[in-house]
Amino acid sequence: QVQLVESGGDLVQPGGSLTLSCAASGSIFTFSIYVMEWYRQAPGKQRELVAAISSSGSTNYADSVKGRFTLSRDNAKKTVSLQMNSLKPEDTAVYYCKTSLGVRDYWGQGTQVTVSS
C-alpha cells in the first residue's frame, strides 16, 4: 500500500507563488525508484497532468505551466514539491499527487489552489 498526502494549497493573488508538497509512505514503497506526478482538476474540466519527475530527477511539464512551475523530489524524505510562480487565475484547481506501482495507481486526496484577487 502507498499513501500520498498533499499539502500547501491556499488562496493566492494573481502573480503570486505557492509551493505544494506531497508526502509518500508505505511499507512496500521504495519511493526513490518511482515516477511522481502532479495532476490538477478545475471545476467542470478533466483532470490534467501538470508535471512529472522520474527516479533520476528528470522533469516534464505541461505547456501551460512550463517556465512557471518547478517540480523537485527529496528521496530521503519521500516528498515531492511543486513550486508554482507567476500564478494565474486559470491555475485554480484541486491539485493531486500520483504514483503508479505496476498496474495500480495511487492518488492523494488533493489540495485546493485558488488564484484570485
Protein backbone atom coordinates (compact mmCIF):
# COMPACT_ATOMS: atom_id res chain seq x y z
CA GLN A 1 0.00 0.00 0.00
CA VAL A 2 1.02 3.57 -0.71
CA GLN A 3 -0.31 6.69 0.93
CA LEU A 4 0.11 10.13 -0.61
CA VAL A 5 -0.72 13.28 1.32
CA GLU A 6 -0.71 16.68 -0.36
CA SER A 7 -0.40 20.00 1.42
CA GLY A 8 0.23 23.65 0.70
CA GLY A 9 -2.88 24.66 -1.19
CA ASP A 10 -4.15 28.15 -0.50
CA LEU A 11 -5.78 31.28 -1.85
CA VAL A 12 -3.21 33.45 -3.63
CA GLN A 13 -3.36 36.57 -5.76
CA PRO A 14 -2.50 36.51 -9.47
CA GLY A 15 1.24 36.73 -9.93
CA GLY A 16 1.86 35.14 -6.58
CA SER A 17 3.70 31.97 -5.63
CA LEU A 18 2.85 28.79 -3.80
CA THR A 19 4.63 25.54 -3.01
CA LEU A 20 2.73 22.27 -2.87
CA SER A 21 4.15 19.22 -1.14
CA CYS A 22 3.34 15.54 -1.42
CA ALA A 23 4.50 13.14 1.28
CA ALA A 24 4.60 9.44 0.45
CA SER A 25 4.52 6.49 2.80
CA GLY A 26 4.01 2.74 2.63
CA SER A 27 5.82 -0.31 3.83
CA ILE A 28 6.48 -1.69 0.34
CA PHE A 29 7.08 1.61 -1.36
CA THR A 30 10.64 2.32 -2.41
CA PHE A 31 9.99 5.97 -3.14
CA SER A 32 13.21 6.71 -4.99
CA ILE A 33 12.55 4.42 -7.94
CA TYR A 34 9.11 5.66 -8.90
CA VAL A 35 7.88 8.42 -11.11
CA MET A 36 5.90 11.01 -9.18
CA GLU A 37 3.31 13.18 -10.86
CA TRP A 38 1.12 16.19 -10.12
CA TYR A 39 -2.28 16.50 -11.73
CA ARG A 40 -4.92 19.17 -11.38
CA GLN A 41 -8.63 19.35 -11.94
CA ALA A 42 -10.54 22.57 -12.35
CA PRO A 43 -14.32 22.73 -11.92
CA GLY A 44 -16.07 21.28 -14.94
CA LYS A 45 -12.82 20.15 -16.54
CA GLN A 46 -10.98 16.88 -16.87
CA ARG A 47 -8.04 16.09 -14.67
CA GLU A 48 -4.80 17.00 -16.43
CA LEU A 49 -1.14 16.21 -15.93
CA VAL A 50 0.81 19.22 -14.69
CA ALA A 51 4.30 17.85 -14.07
CA ALA A 52 6.21 14.62 -13.60
CA ILE A 53 9.59 13.69 -12.17
CA SER A 54 11.48 10.48 -12.78
CA SER A 55 13.62 8.50 -10.38
CA SER A 56 16.68 10.27 -11.77
CA GLY A 57 15.14 13.69 -11.30
CA SER A 58 14.24 14.38 -14.92
CA THR A 59 11.16 16.53 -15.20
CA ASN A 60 8.39 17.15 -17.70
CA TYR A 61 5.81 19.92 -17.61
CA ALA A 62 2.57 20.76 -19.29
CA ASP A 63 2.99 23.59 -21.77
CA SER A 64 0.63 25.74 -19.72
CA VAL A 65 2.97 25.73 -16.70
CA LYS A 66 6.37 25.45 -18.35
CA GLY A 67 8.72 28.15 -17.09
CA ARG A 68 6.48 28.93 -14.10
CA PHE A 69 6.33 25.64 -12.17
CA THR A 70 9.27 23.61 -10.87
CA LEU A 71 8.99 20.05 -9.61
CA SER A 72 11.59 18.51 -7.33
CA ARG A 73 11.92 15.45 -5.13
CA ASP A 74 13.65 14.57 -1.89
CA ASN A 75 14.11 10.80 -1.81
CA ALA A 76 15.38 10.77 1.75
CA LYS A 77 12.21 12.48 2.98
CA LYS A 78 9.96 10.74 0.42
CA THR A 79 8.49 14.01 -0.71
CA VAL A 80 7.94 15.90 -3.93
CA SER A 81 7.46 19.64 -4.09
CA LEU A 82 5.80 21.71 -6.78
CA GLN A 83 6.99 25.31 -6.74
CA MET A 84 4.44 27.46 -8.55
CA ASN A 85 5.33 31.01 -9.58
CA SER A 86 3.54 33.69 -11.56
CA LEU A 87 0.22 32.07 -10.77
CA LYS A 88 -2.75 32.83 -12.97
CA PRO A 89 -6.49 32.52 -12.33
CA GLU A 90 -6.53 29.60 -14.75
CA ASP A 91 -4.23 27.70 -12.38
CA THR A 92 -7.14 27.45 -9.96
CA ALA A 93 -7.84 23.76 -9.37
CA VAL A 94 -7.54 20.88 -6.97
CA TYR A 95 -4.01 19.55 -7.27
CA TYR A 96 -3.34 15.84 -6.85
CA CYS A 97 -0.18 13.84 -6.33
CA LYS A 98 0.02 10.47 -8.05
CA THR A 99 2.30 7.49 -8.47
CA SER A 100 1.95 4.09 -10.06
CA LEU A 101 3.17 0.73 -8.87
CA GLY A 102 2.76 -1.77 -11.67
CA VAL A 103 -0.80 -1.50 -12.92
CA ARG A 104 -2.10 0.24 -9.82
CA ASP A 105 -2.36 4.00 -9.46
CA TYR A 106 -2.21 5.75 -6.11
CA TRP A 107 -3.65 9.24 -5.61
CA GLY A 108 -3.61 11.68 -2.78
CA GLN A 109 -6.74 13.41 -1.55
CA GLY A 110 -5.89 16.66 -3.30
CA THR A 111 -5.20 20.22 -2.18
CA GLN A 112 -7.10 23.29 -3.36
CA VAL A 113 -5.28 26.12 -5.10
CA THR A 114 -7.28 29.25 -5.78
CA VAL A 115 -5.77 32.16 -7.69
CA SER A 116 -7.93 35.22 -7.33
CA SER A 117 -7.73 38.88 -6.45
